Amino acid sequence: MSDSDRARRAAEARLAASLERLTAVGVHARGQIGDGDPMQAIADALELFPADEIIIATHPEERSNWLAHDLVTRARLRFDPPILHIVVDLDRRREYLAAEASREVLAHGPAPTLTAS
């Protein structure tokens, strides 16, 4: 098995686990493995199906290549659906809303609680 096959299978497993957790708390979600460039992956997905909201999950800031390249801000500027940024801290086995998203969510109601399993 090649490194790219392993990476794709790992990504598929993470996606399946994320969709299961979202479904368990009543969120109707769809997802797919896309392009290696996250901006292109979002654009491609929006061509295939409409989204009410885009969820971007990243590692914590000190370990996130996507945050180092300002992915969340760039996505908010480029795409129409609202963007929810969730930080997944595998070392601490927890997930949480990013600070900027928390402020937006609090304006519209209580923030969801996410727990890694």
PDB file of N, CA and C in Angstrom:
ATOM      1  N   MET A   1       0.844  -1.170   0.000  1.00  0.00           N
ATOM      2  CA  MET A   1       0.000   0.000   0.000  1.00  0.00           C
ATOM      3  C   MET A   1       0.895   1.241   0.000  1.00  0.00           C
ATOM      4  N   SER A   2       0.581   2.181  -0.864  1.00  0.00           N
ATOM      5  CA  SER A   2       1.399   3.394  -0.975  1.00  0.00           C
ATOM      6  C   SER A   2       1.075   4.371   0.159  1.00  0.00           C
ATOM      7  N   ASP A   3       1.953   5.359   0.341  1.00  0.00           N
ATOM      8  CA  ASP A   3       1.714   6.397   1.348  1.00  0.00           C
ATOM      9  C   ASP A   3       0.435   7.168   1.053  1.00  0.00           C
ATOM     10  N   SER A   4       0.158   7.428  -0.236  1.00  0.00           N
ATOM     11  CA  SER A   4      -1.057   8.176  -0.580  1.00  0.00           C
ATOM     12  C   SER A   4      -2.307   7.338  -0.295  1.00  0.00           C
ATOM     13  N   ASP A   5      -2.227   6.021  -0.492  1.00  0.00           N
ATOM     14  CA  ASP A   5      -3.361   5.152  -0.147  1.00  0.00           C
ATOM     15  C   ASP A   5      -3.610   5.170   1.361  1.00  0.00           C
ATOM     16  N   ARG A   6      -2.534   5.097   2.141  1.00  0.00           N
ATOM     17  CA  ARG A   6      -2.671   5.146   3.606  1.00  0.00           C
ATOM     18  C   ARG A   6      -3.283   6.471   4.048  1.00  0.00           C
ATOM     19  N   ALA A   7      -2.805   7.557   3.451  1.00  0.00           N
ATOM     20  CA  ALA A   7      -3.316   8.886   3.809  1.00  0.00           C
ATOM     21  C   ALA A   7      -4.791   9.013   3.462  1.00  0.00           C
ATOM     22  N   ARG A   8      -5.178   8.499   2.309  1.00  0.00           N
ATOM     23  CA  ARG A   8      -6.596   8.566   1.911  1.00  0.00           C
ATOM     24  C   ARG A   8      -7.461   7.729   2.841  1.00  0.00           C
ATOM     25  N   ARG A   9      -7.006   6.525   3.182  1.00  0.00           N
ATOM     26  CA  ARG A   9      -7.786   5.680   4.108  1.00  0.00           C
ATOM     27  C   ARG A   9      -7.904   6.324   5.484  1.00  0.00           C
ATOM     28  N   ALA A  10      -6.831   6.949   5.947  1.00  0.00           N
ATOM     29  CA  ALA A  10      -6.878   7.643   7.243  1.00  0.00           C
ATOM     30  C   ALA A  10      -7.861   8.810   7.170  1.00  0.00           C
ATOM     31  N   ALA A  11      -7.839   9.549   6.063  1.00  0.00           N
ATOM     32  CA  ALA A  11      -8.767  10.672   5.890  1.00  0.00           C
ATOM     33  C   ALA A  11     -10.208  10.169   5.848  1.00  0.00           C
ATOM     34  N   GLU A  12     -10.453   9.056   5.165  1.00  0.00           N
ATOM     35  CA  GLU A  12     -11.801   8.485   5.107  1.00  0.00           C
ATOM     36  C   GLU A  12     -12.285   8.069   6.489  1.00  0.00           C
ATOM     37  N   ALA A  13     -11.396   7.496   7.290  1.00  0.00           N
ATOM     38  CA  ALA A  13     -11.762   7.089   8.652  1.00  0.00           C
ATOM     39  C   ALA A  13     -12.082   8.307   9.516  1.00  0.00           C
ATOM     40  N   ARG A  14     -11.284   9.375   9.395  1.00  0.00           N
ATOM     41  CA  ARG A  14     -11.555  10.600  10.160  1.00  0.00           C
ATOM     42  C   ARG A  14     -12.883  11.218   9.744  1.00  0.00           C
ATOM     43  N   LEU A  15     -13.156  11.231   8.442  1.00  0.00           N
ATOM     44  CA  LEU A  15     -14.412  11.783   7.947  1.00  0.00           C
ATOM     45  C   LEU A  15     -15.591  10.978   8.491  1.00  0.00           C
ATOM     46  N   ALA A  16     -15.514   9.658   8.408  1.00  0.00           N
ATOM     47  CA  ALA A  16     -16.613   8.813   8.901  1.00  0.00           C
ATOM     48  C   ALA A  16     -16.859   9.051  10.390  1.00  0.00           C
ATOM     49  N   ALA A  17     -15.795   9.140  11.172  1.00  0.00           N
ATOM     50  CA  ALA A  17     -15.939   9.379  12.611  1.00  0.00           C
ATOM     51  C   ALA A  17     -16.554  10.750  12.874  1.00  0.00           C
ATOM     52  N   SER A  18     -16.132  11.756  12.129  1.00  0.00           N
ATOM     53  CA  SER A  18     -16.679  13.104  12.308  1.00  0.00           C
ATOM     54  C   SER A  18     -18.159  13.150  11.958  1.00  0.00           C
ATOM     55  N   LEU A  19     -18.535  12.518  10.848  1.00  0.00           N
ATOM     56  CA  LEU A  19     -19.938  12.504  10.453  1.00  0.00           C
ATOM     57  C   LEU A  19     -20.794  11.751  11.468  1.00  0.00           C
ATOM     58  N   GLU A  20     -20.271  10.671  12.023  1.00  0.00           N
ATOM     59  CA  GLU A  20     -21.000   9.930  13.063  1.00  0.00           C
ATOM     60  C   GLU A  20     -21.227  10.805  14.295  1.00  0.00           C
ATOM     61  N   ARG A  21     -20.200  11.545  14.727  1.00  0.00           N
ATOM     62  CA  ARG A  21     -20.340  12.419  15.902  1.00  0.00           C
ATOM     63  C   ARG A  21     -21.347  13.532  15.637  1.00  0.00           C
ATOM     64  N   LEU A  22     -21.311  14.105  14.449  1.00  0.00           N
ATOM     65  CA  LEU A  22     -22.270  15.159  14.123  1.00  0.00           C
ATOM     66  C   LEU A  22     -23.699  14.611  14.088  1.00  0.00           C
ATOM     67  N   THR A  23     -23.884  13.454  13.475  1.00  0.00           N
ATOM     68  CA  THR A  23     -25.204  12.831  13.426  1.00  0.00           C
ATOM     69  C   THR A  23     -25.718  12.527  14.828  1.00  0.00           C
ATOM     70  N   ALA A  24     -24.828  12.082  15.709  1.00  0.00           N
ATOM     71  CA  ALA A  24     -25.218  11.731  17.075  1.00  0.00           C
ATOM     72  C   ALA A  24     -25.768  12.920  17.856  1.00  0.00           C
ATOM     73  N   VAL A  25     -25.361  14.140  17.488  1.00  0.00           N
ATOM     74  CA  VAL A  25     -25.868  15.322  18.185  1.00  0.00           C
ATOM     75  C   VAL A  25     -26.922  16.058  17.355  1.00  0.00           C
ATOM     76  N   GLY A  26     -27.442  15.378  16.322  1.00  0.00           N
ATOM     77  CA  GLY A  26     -28.555  15.926  15.564  1.00  0.00           C
ATOM     78  C   GLY A  26     -28.209  16.833  14.407  1.00  0.00           C
ATOM     79  N   VAL A  27     -26.959  16.823  13.971  1.00  0.00           N
ATOM     80  CA  VAL A  27     -26.548  17.661  12.845  1.00  0.00           C
ATOM     81  C   VAL A  27     -26.585  16.826  11.572  1.00  0.00           C
ATOM     82  N   HIS A  28     -27.339  17.294  10.572  1.00  0.00           N
ATOM     83  CA  HIS A  28     -27.364  16.623   9.271  1.00  0.00           C
ATOM     84  C   HIS A  28     -26.142  17.110   8.494  1.00  0.00           C
ATOM     85  N   ALA A  29     -25.213  16.218   8.217  1.00  0.00           N
ATOM     86  CA  ALA A  29     -23.963  16.614   7.568  1.00  0.00           C
ATOM     87  C   ALA A  29     -23.593  15.638   6.458  1.00  0.00           C
ATOM     88  N   ARG A  30     -22.932  16.174   5.448  1.00  0.00           N
ATOM     89  CA  ARG A  30     -22.355  15.375   4.368  1.00  0.00           C
ATOM     90  C   ARG A  30     -20.904  15.775   4.258  1.00  0.00           C
ATOM     91  N   GLY A  31     -20.101  14.871   3.776  1.00  0.00           N
ATOM     92  CA  GLY A  31     -18.698  15.191   3.573  1.00  0.00           C
ATOM     93  C   GLY A  31     -18.098  14.254   2.556  1.00  0.00           C
ATOM     94  N   GLN A  32     -16.948  14.629   2.074  1.00  0.00           N
ATOM     95  CA  GLN A  32     -16.226  13.790   1.115  1.00  0.00           C
ATOM     96  C   GLN A  32     -14.751  14.136   1.193  1.00  0.00           C
ATOM     97  N   ILE A  33     -13.941  13.201   0.762  1.00  0.00           N
ATOM     98  CA  ILE A  33     -12.507  13.451   0.664  1.00  0.00           C
ATOM     99  C   ILE A  33     -12.294  14.206  -0.642  1.00  0.00           C
ATOM    100  N   GLY A  34     -11.579  15.311  -0.560  1.00  0.00           N
ATOM    101  CA  GLY A  34     -11.417  16.139  -1.744  1.00  0.00           C
ATOM    102  C   GLY A  34      -9.966  16.412  -2.071  1.00  0.00           C
ATOM    103  N   ASP A  35      -9.783  17.439  -2.831  1.00  0.00           N
ATOM    104  CA  ASP A  35      -8.466  17.889  -3.271  1.00  0.00           C
ATOM    105  C   ASP A  35      -7.561  18.144  -2.068  1.00  0.00           C
ATOM    106  N   GLY A  36      -6.272  17.978  -2.238  1.00  0.00           N
ATOM    107  CA  GLY A  36      -5.314  18.230  -1.167  1.00  0.00           C
ATOM    108  C   GLY A  36      -5.239  19.699  -0.770  1.00  0.00           C
ATOM    109  N   ASP A  37      -5.618  20.599  -1.659  1.00  0.00           N
ATOM    110  CA  ASP A  37      -5.700  22.026  -1.358  1.00  0.00           C
ATOM    111  C   ASP A  37      -7.083  22.287  -0.774  1.00  0.00           C
ATOM    112  N   PRO A  38      -7.177  22.659   0.504  1.00  0.00           N
ATOM    113  CA  PRO A  38      -8.493  22.786   1.130  1.00  0.00           C
ATOM    114  C   PRO A  38      -9.401  23.823   0.463  1.00  0.00           C
ATOM    115  N   MET A  39      -8.851  24.911  -0.064  1.00  0.00           N
ATOM    116  CA  MET A  39      -9.689  25.898  -0.755  1.00  0.00           C
ATOM    117  C   MET A  39     -10.296  25.294  -2.017  1.00  0.00           C
ATOM    118  N   GLN A  40      -9.507  24.514  -2.745  1.00  0.00           N
ATOM    119  CA  GLN A  40     -10.030  23.859  -3.942  1.00  0.00           C
ATOM    120  C   GLN A  40     -11.029  22.775  -3.561  1.00  0.00           C
ATOM    121  N   ALA A  41     -10.769  22.062  -2.474  1.00  0.00           N
ATOM    122  CA  ALA A  41     -11.697  21.022  -2.019  1.00  0.00           C
ATOM    123  C   ALA A  41     -13.061  21.622  -1.673  1.00  0.00           C
ATOM    124  N   ILE A  42     -13.072  22.774  -1.008  1.00  0.00           N
ATOM    125  CA  ILE A  42     -14.339  23.435  -0.681  1.00  0.00           C
ATOM    126  C   ILE A  42     -15.056  23.858  -1.963  1.00  0.00           C
ATOM    127  N   ALA A  43     -14.335  24.486  -2.881  1.00  0.00           N
ATOM    128  CA  ALA A  43     -14.937  24.929  -4.148  1.00  0.00           C
ATOM    129  C   ALA A  43     -15.518  23.743  -4.907  1.00  0.00           C
ATOM    130  N   ASP A  44     -14.777  22.635  -4.977  1.00  0.00           N
ATOM    131  CA  ASP A  44     -15.263  21.451  -5.679  1.00  0.00           C
ATOM    132  C   ASP A  44     -16.524  20.900  -5.020  1.00  0.00           C
ATOM    133  N   ALA A  45     -16.535  20.837  -3.691  1.00  0.00           N
ATOM    134  CA  ALA A  45     -17.695  20.303  -2.970  1.00  0.00           C
ATOM    135  C   ALA A  45     -18.928  21.178  -3.200  1.00  0.00           C
ATOM    136  N   LEU A  46     -18.752  22.490  -3.200  1.00  0.00           N
ATOM    137  CA  LEU A  46     -19.889  23.388  -3.405  1.00  0.00           C
ATOM    138  C   LEU A  46     -20.454  23.293  -4.822  1.00  0.00           C
ATOM    139  N   GLU A  47     -19.654  22.816  -5.758  1.00  0.00           N
ATOM    140  CA  GLU A  47     -20.154  22.561  -7.111  1.00  0.00           C
ATOM    141  C   GLU A  47     -21.037  21.309  -7.137  1.00  0.00           C
ATOM    142  N   LEU A  48     -20.778  20.366  -6.231  1.00  0.00           N
ATOM    143  CA  LEU A  48     -21.523  19.104  -6.202  1.00  0.00           C
ATOM    144  C   LEU A  48     -22.800  19.164  -5.378  1.00  0.00           C
ATOM    145  N   PHE A  49     -22.784  19.937  -4.282  1.00  0.00           N
ATOM    146  CA  PHE A  49     -23.984  20.047  -3.445  1.00  0.00           C
ATOM    147  C   PHE A  49     -23.960  21.364  -2.689  1.00  0.00           C
ATOM    148  N   PRO A  50     -25.150  21.932  -2.470  1.00  0.00           N
ATOM    149  CA  PRO A  50     -25.204  23.190  -1.716  1.00  0.00           C
ATOM    150  C   PRO A  50     -24.908  22.932  -0.244  1.00  0.00           C
ATOM    151  N   ALA A  51     -24.376  23.933   0.426  1.00  0.00           N
ATOM    152  CA  ALA A  51     -24.075  23.801   1.851  1.00  0.00           C
ATOM    153  C   ALA A  51     -24.731  24.952   2.601  1.00  0.00           C
ATOM    154  N   ASP A  52     -25.368  24.628   3.720  1.00  0.00           N
ATOM    155  CA  ASP A  52     -25.899  25.668   4.601  1.00  0.00           C
ATOM    156  C   ASP A  52     -24.773  26.276   5.422  1.00  0.00           C
ATOM    157  N   GLU A  53     -23.737  25.471   5.666  1.00  0.00           N
ATOM    158  CA  GLU A  53     -22.608  25.894   6.483  1.00  0.00           C
ATOM    159  C   GLU A  53     -21.410  25.044   6.099  1.00  0.00           C
ATOM    160  N   ILE A  54     -20.221  25.616   6.220  1.00  0.00           N
ATOM    161  CA  ILE A  54     -18.983  24.887   5.958  1.00  0.00           C
ATOM    162  C   ILE A  54     -18.262  24.740   7.293  1.00  0.00           C
ATOM    163  N   ILE A  55     -17.884  23.522   7.631  1.00  0.00           N
ATOM    164  CA  ILE A  55     -17.138  23.273   8.858  1.00  0.00           C
ATOM    165  C   ILE A  55     -15.692  22.996   8.478  1.00  0.00           C
ATOM    166  N   ILE A  56     -14.790  23.776   9.049  1.00  0.00           N
ATOM    167  CA  ILE A  56     -13.357  23.553   8.842  1.00  0.00           C
ATOM    168  C   ILE A  56     -12.786  23.110  10.185  1.00  0.00           C
ATOM    169  N   ALA A  57     -12.223  21.920  10.219  1.00  0.00           N
ATOM    170  CA  ALA A  57     -11.587  21.400  11.432  1.00  0.00           C
ATOM    171  C   ALA A  57     -10.082  21.474  11.252  1.00  0.00           C
ATOM    172  N   THR A  58      -9.414  22.032  12.264  1.00  0.00           N
ATOM    173  CA  THR A  58      -7.958  22.161  12.204  1.00  0.00           C
ATOM    174  C   THR A  58      -7.339  21.652  13.493  1.00  0.00           C
ATOM    175  N   HIS A  59      -6.037  21.455  13.443  1.00  0.00           N
ATOM    176  CA  HIS A  59      -5.264  21.226  14.663  1.00  0.00           C
ATOM    177  C   HIS A  59      -5.195  22.562  15.416  1.00  0.00           C
ATOM    178  N   PRO A  60      -4.757  22.555  16.674  1.00  0.00           N
ATOM    179  CA  PRO A  60      -4.547  23.819  17.381  1.00  0.00           C
ATOM    180  C   PRO A  60      -3.547  24.698  16.624  1.00  0.00           C
ATOM    181  N   GLU A  61      -3.633  25.984  16.861  1.00  0.00           N
ATOM    182  CA  GLU A  61      -2.865  26.961  16.093  1.00  0.00           C
ATOM    183  C   GLU A  61      -1.373  26.656  16.032  1.00  0.00           C
ATOM    184  N   GLU A  62      -0.794  26.215  17.137  1.00  0.00           N
ATOM    185  CA  GLU A  62       0.655  25.983  17.150  1.00  0.00           C
ATOM    186  C   GLU A  62       1.072  24.793  16.274  1.00  0.00           C
ATOM    187  N   ARG A  63       0.123  23.955  15.845  1.00  0.00           N
ATOM    188  CA  ARG A  63       0.454  22.789  15.019  1.00  0.00           C
ATOM    189  C   ARG A  63      -0.249  22.782  13.671  1.00  0.00           C
ATOM    190  N   SER A  64      -0.970  23.843  13.331  1.00  0.00           N
ATOM    191  CA  SER A  64      -1.810  23.818  12.140  1.00  0.00           C
ATOM    192  C   SER A  64      -1.179  24.531  10.959  1.00  0.00           C
ATOM    193  N   ASN A  65      -0.879  23.777   9.929  1.00  0.00           N
ATOM    194  CA  ASN A  65      -0.392  24.355   8.678  1.00  0.00           C
ATOM    195  C   ASN A  65      -1.483  25.206   8.029  1.00  0.00           C
ATOM    196  N   TRP A  66      -2.741  24.747   8.111  1.00  0.00           N
ATOM    197  CA  TRP A  66      -3.848  25.501   7.511  1.00  0.00           C
ATOM    198  C   TRP A  66      -3.992  26.867   8.164  1.00  0.00           C
ATOM    199  N   LEU A  67      -3.885  26.925   9.495  1.00  0.00           N
ATOM    200  CA  LEU A  67      -4.014  28.219  10.177  1.00  0.00           C
ATOM    201  C   LEU A  67      -2.813  29.108   9.882  1.00  0.00           C
ATOM    202  N   ALA A  68      -1.638  28.509   9.735  1.00  0.00           N
ATOM    203  CA  ALA A  68      -0.449  29.292   9.381  1.00  0.00           C
ATOM    204  C   ALA A  68      -0.637  29.974   8.025  1.00  0.00           C
ATOM    205  N   HIS A  69      -1.459  29.374   7.161  1.00  0.00           N
ATOM    206  CA  HIS A  69      -1.738  29.949   5.844  1.00  0.00           C
ATOM    207  C   HIS A  69      -3.098  30.647   5.815  1.00  0.00           C
ATOM    208  N   ASP A  70      -3.666  30.921   6.985  1.00  0.00           N
ATOM    209  CA  ASP A  70      -4.891  31.716   7.140  1.00  0.00           C
ATOM    210  C   ASP A  70      -6.079  31.140   6.372  1.00  0.00           C
ATOM    211  N   LEU A  71      -6.206  29.823   6.385  1.00  0.00           N
ATOM    212  CA  LEU A  71      -7.266  29.159   5.628  1.00  0.00           C
ATOM    213  C   LEU A  71      -8.663  29.626   6.026  1.00  0.00           C
ATOM    214  N   VAL A  72      -8.943  29.704   7.307  1.00  0.00           N
ATOM    215  CA  VAL A  72     -10.305  30.029   7.752  1.00  0.00           C
ATOM    216  C   VAL A  72     -10.714  31.423   7.273  1.00  0.00           C
ATOM    217  N   THR A  73      -9.847  32.392   7.425  1.00  0.00           N
ATOM    218  CA  THR A  73     -10.156  33.753   6.968  1.00  0.00           C
ATOM    219  C   THR A  73     -10.321  33.791   5.456  1.00  0.00           C
ATOM    220  N   ARG A  74      -9.423  33.137   4.733  1.00  0.00           N
ATOM    221  CA  ARG A  74      -9.525  33.126   3.266  1.00  0.00           C
ATOM    222  C   ARG A  74     -10.819  32.470   2.808  1.00  0.00           C
ATOM    223  N   ALA A  75     -11.222  31.375   3.480  1.00  0.00           N
ATOM    224  CA  ALA A  75     -12.469  30.699   3.117  1.00  0.00           C
ATOM    225  C   ALA A  75     -13.674  31.597   3.401  1.00  0.00           C
ATOM    226  N   ARG A  76     -13.652  32.301   4.526  1.00  0.00           N
ATOM    227  CA  ARG A  76     -14.764  33.217   4.849  1.00  0.00           C
ATOM    228  C   ARG A  76     -14.890  34.326   3.803  1.00  0.00           C
ATOM    229  N   LEU A  77     -13.776  34.793   3.283  1.00  0.00           N
ATOM    230  CA  LEU A  77     -13.808  35.843   2.274  1.00  0.00           C
ATOM    231  C   LEU A  77     -14.257  35.331   0.908  1.00  0.00           C
ATOM    232  N   ARG A  78     -13.983  34.083   0.602  1.00  0.00           N
ATOM    233  CA  ARG A  78     -14.254  33.544  -0.736  1.00  0.00           C
ATOM    234  C   ARG A  78     -15.620  32.885  -0.883  1.00  0.00           C
ATOM    235  N   PHE A  79     -16.112  32.209   0.160  1.00  0.00           N
ATOM    236  CA  PHE A  79     -17.317  31.405   0.023  1.00  0.00           C
ATOM    237  C   PHE A  79     -18.500  32.027   0.765  1.00  0.00           C
ATOM    238  N   ASP A  80     -19.704  31.859   0.207  1.00  0.00           N
ATOM    239  CA  ASP A  80     -20.907  32.452   0.788  1.00  0.00           C
ATOM    240  C   ASP A  80     -21.410  31.781   2.061  1.00  0.00           C
ATOM    241  N   PRO A  81     -21.461  30.437   2.132  1.00  0.00           N
ATOM    242  CA  PRO A  81     -22.002  29.851   3.365  1.00  0.00           C
ATOM    243  C   PRO A  81     -21.156  30.230   4.578  1.00  0.00           C
ATOM    244  N   PRO A  82     -21.798  30.344   5.747  1.00  0.00           N
ATOM    245  CA  PRO A  82     -21.023  30.630   6.951  1.00  0.00           C
ATOM    246  C   PRO A  82     -20.008  29.521   7.217  1.00  0.00           C
ATOM    247  N   ILE A  83     -18.897  29.892   7.823  1.00  0.00           N
ATOM    248  CA  ILE A  83     -17.824  28.945   8.131  1.00  0.00           C
ATOM    249  C   ILE A  83     -17.762  28.760   9.640  1.00  0.00           C
ATOM    250  N   LEU A  84     -17.802  27.513  10.087  1.00  0.00           N
ATOM    251  CA  LEU A  84     -17.620  27.178  11.497  1.00  0.00           C
ATOM    252  C   LEU A  84     -16.249  26.525  11.624  1.00  0.00           C
ATOM    253  N   HIS A  85     -15.401  27.099  12.464  1.00  0.00           N
ATOM    254  CA  HIS A  85     -14.046  26.580  12.661  1.00  0.00           C
ATOM    255  C   HIS A  85     -14.004  25.790  13.963  1.00  0.00           C
ATOM    256  N   ILE A  86     -13.708  24.502  13.852  1.00  0.00           N
ATOM    257  CA  ILE A  86     -13.579  23.633  15.017  1.00  0.00           C
ATOM    258  C   ILE A  86     -12.121  23.210  15.131  1.00  0.00           C
ATOM    259  N   VAL A  87     -11.583  23.322  16.326  1.00  0.00           N
ATOM    260  CA  VAL A  87     -10.206  22.909  16.594  1.00  0.00           C
ATOM    261  C   VAL A  87     -10.244  21.514  17.212  1.00  0.00           C
ATOM    262  N   VAL A  88      -9.477  20.608  16.642  1.00  0.00           N
ATOM    263  CA  VAL A  88      -9.403  19.235  17.135  1.00  0.00           C
ATOM    264  C   VAL A  88      -8.005  19.041  17.715  1.00  0.00           C
ATOM    265  N   ASP A  89      -7.947  18.908  19.021  1.00  0.00           N
ATOM    266  CA  ASP A  89      -6.670  18.730  19.722  1.00  0.00           C
ATOM    267  C   ASP A  89      -6.534  17.250  20.073  1.00  0.00           C
ATOM    268  N   LEU A  90      -5.864  16.512  19.206  1.00  0.00           N
ATOM    269  CA  LEU A  90      -5.732  15.067  19.398  1.00  0.00           C
ATOM    270  C   LEU A  90      -4.934  14.718  20.646  1.00  0.00           C
ATOM    271  N   ASP A  91      -3.940  15.546  20.978  1.00  0.00           N
ATOM    272  CA  ASP A  91      -3.121  15.276  22.165  1.00  0.00           C
ATOM    273  C   ASP A  91      -3.954  15.333  23.440  1.00  0.00           C
ATOM    274  N   ARG A  92      -4.894  16.264  23.476  1.00  0.00           N
ATOM    275  CA  ARG A  92      -5.738  16.421  24.675  1.00  0.00           C
ATOM    276  C   ARG A  92      -7.093  15.725  24.522  1.00  0.00           C
ATOM    277  N   ARG A  93      -7.313  15.088  23.371  1.00  0.00           N
ATOM    278  CA  ARG A  93      -8.564  14.378  23.082  1.00  0.00           C
ATOM    279  C   ARG A  93      -9.782  15.270  23.304  1.00  0.00           C
ATOM    280  N   ARG A  94      -9.749  16.465  22.691  1.00  0.00           N
ATOM    281  CA  ARG A  94     -10.900  17.346  22.788  1.00  0.00           C
ATOM    282  C   ARG A  94     -11.053  18.166  21.518  1.00  0.00           C
ATOM    283  N   GLU A  95     -12.276  18.648  21.310  1.00  0.00           N
ATOM    284  CA  GLU A  95     -12.614  19.492  20.178  1.00  0.00           C
ATOM    285  C   GLU A  95     -13.304  20.724  20.731  1.00  0.00           C
ATOM    286  N   TYR A  96     -13.079  21.863  20.122  1.00  0.00           N
ATOM    287  CA  TYR A  96     -13.731  23.078  20.598  1.00  0.00           C
ATOM    288  C   TYR A  96     -13.865  24.078  19.462  1.00  0.00           C
ATOM    289  N   LEU A  97     -14.799  25.009  19.626  1.00  0.00           N
ATOM    290  CA  LEU A  97     -14.965  26.071  18.649  1.00  0.00           C
ATOM    291  C   LEU A  97     -13.806  27.037  18.772  1.00  0.00           C
ATOM    292  N   ALA A  98     -13.314  27.499  17.639  1.00  0.00           N
ATOM    293  CA  ALA A  98     -12.265  28.511  17.661  1.00  0.00           C
ATOM    294  C   ALA A  98     -12.830  29.788  18.262  1.00  0.00           C
ATOM    295  N   ALA A  99     -11.991  30.613  18.828  1.00  0.00           N
ATOM    296  CA  ALA A  99     -12.416  31.817  19.543  1.00  0.00           C
ATOM    297  C   ALA A  99     -13.296  32.724  18.691  1.00  0.00           C
ATOM    298  N   GLU A 100     -12.922  32.962  17.442  1.00  0.00           N
ATOM    299  CA  GLU A 100     -13.718  33.873  16.614  1.00  0.00           C
ATOM    300  C   GLU A 100     -15.083  33.287  16.315  1.00  0.00           C
ATOM    301  N   ALA A 101     -15.173  31.973  16.165  1.00  0.00           N
ATOM    302  CA  ALA A 101     -16.461  31.328  15.916  1.00  0.00           C
ATOM    303  C   ALA A 101     -17.326  31.368  17.171  1.00  0.00           C
ATOM    304  N   SER A 102     -16.717  31.233  18.326  1.00  0.00           N
ATOM    305  CA  SER A 102     -17.472  31.253  19.573  1.00  0.00           C
ATOM    306  C   SER A 102     -18.220  32.567  19.731  1.00  0.00           C
ATOM    307  N   ARG A 103     -17.586  33.666  19.398  1.00  0.00           N
ATOM    308  CA  ARG A 103     -18.247  34.967  19.504  1.00  0.00           C
ATOM    309  C   ARG A 103     -19.452  35.032  18.574  1.00  0.00           C
ATOM    310  N   GLU A 104     -19.317  34.518  17.341  1.00  0.00           N
ATOM    311  CA  GLU A 104     -20.420  34.538  16.389  1.00  0.00           C
ATOM    312  C   GLU A 104     -21.560  33.637  16.853  1.00  0.00           C
ATOM    313  N   VAL A 105     -21.234  32.453  17.339  1.00  0.00           N
ATOM    314  CA  VAL A 105     -22.252  31.511  17.794  1.00  0.00           C
ATOM    315  C   VAL A 105     -22.983  32.072  19.003  1.00  0.00           C
ATOM    316  N   LEU A 106     -22.267  32.685  19.935  1.00  0.00           N
ATOM    317  CA  LEU A 106     -22.892  33.225  21.135  1.00  0.00           C
ATOM    318  C   LEU A 106     -23.910  34.308  20.797  1.00  0.00           C
ATOM    319  N   ALA A 107     -23.698  35.003  19.698  1.00  0.00           N
ATOM    320  CA  ALA A 107     -24.653  36.019  19.298  1.00  0.00           C
ATOM    321  C   ALA A 107     -25.972  35.393  18.832  1.00  0.00           C
ATOM    322  N   HIS A 108     -25.937  34.118  18.438  1.00  0.00           N
ATOM    323  CA  HIS A 108     -27.119  33.434  17.909  1.00  0.00           C
ATOM    324  C   HIS A 108     -27.624  32.321  18.814  1.00  0.00           C
ATOM    325  N   GLY A 109     -27.034  32.132  19.951  1.00  0.00           N
ATOM    326  CA  GLY A 109     -27.477  31.080  20.870  1.00  0.00           C
ATOM    327  C   GLY A 109     -26.283  30.391  21.488  1.00  0.00           C
ATOM    328  N   PRO A 110     -26.528  29.413  22.359  1.00  0.00           N
ATOM    329  CA  PRO A 110     -25.427  28.749  23.051  1.00  0.00           C
ATOM    330  C   PRO A 110     -24.536  27.966  22.085  1.00  0.00           C
ATOM    331  N   ALA A 111     -23.255  27.967  22.374  1.00  0.00           N
ATOM    332  CA  ALA A 111     -22.299  27.226  21.562  1.00  0.00           C
ATOM    333  C   ALA A 111     -22.460  25.739  21.805  1.00  0.00           C
ATOM    334  N   PRO A 112     -22.337  24.926  20.761  1.00  0.00           N
ATOM    335  CA  PRO A 112     -22.426  23.477  20.957  1.00  0.00           C
ATOM    336  C   PRO A 112     -21.223  22.966  21.728  1.00  0.00           C
ATOM    337  N   THR A 113     -21.421  21.896  22.449  1.00  0.00           N
ATOM    338  CA  THR A 113     -20.322  21.244  23.154  1.00  0.00           C
ATOM    339  C   THR A 113     -19.901  20.043  22.348  1.00  0.00           C
ATOM    340  N   LEU A 114     -18.628  19.920  22.084  1.00  0.00           N
ATOM    341  CA  LEU A 114     -18.100  18.819  21.292  1.00  0.00           C
ATOM    342  C   LEU A 114     -17.136  18.035  22.158  1.00  0.00           C
ATOM    343  N   THR A 115     -17.224  16.731  22.106  1.00  0.00           N
ATOM    344  CA  THR A 115     -16.344  15.885  22.887  1.00  0.00           C
ATOM    345  C   THR A 115     -15.735  14.831  21.971  1.00  0.00           C
ATOM    346  N   ALA A 116     -14.431  14.711  21.988  1.00  0.00           N
ATOM    347  CA  ALA A 116     -13.775  13.691  21.169  1.00  0.00           C
ATOM    348  C   ALA A 116     -14.046  12.332  21.773  1.00  0.00           C
ATOM    349  N   SER A 117     -14.189  11.355  20.886  1.00  0.00           N
ATOM    350  CA  SER A 117     -14.396   9.988  21.389  1.00  0.00           C
ATOM    351  C   SER A 117     -13.408   9.038  20.771  1.00  0.00           C
TER     352      SER A 117
END
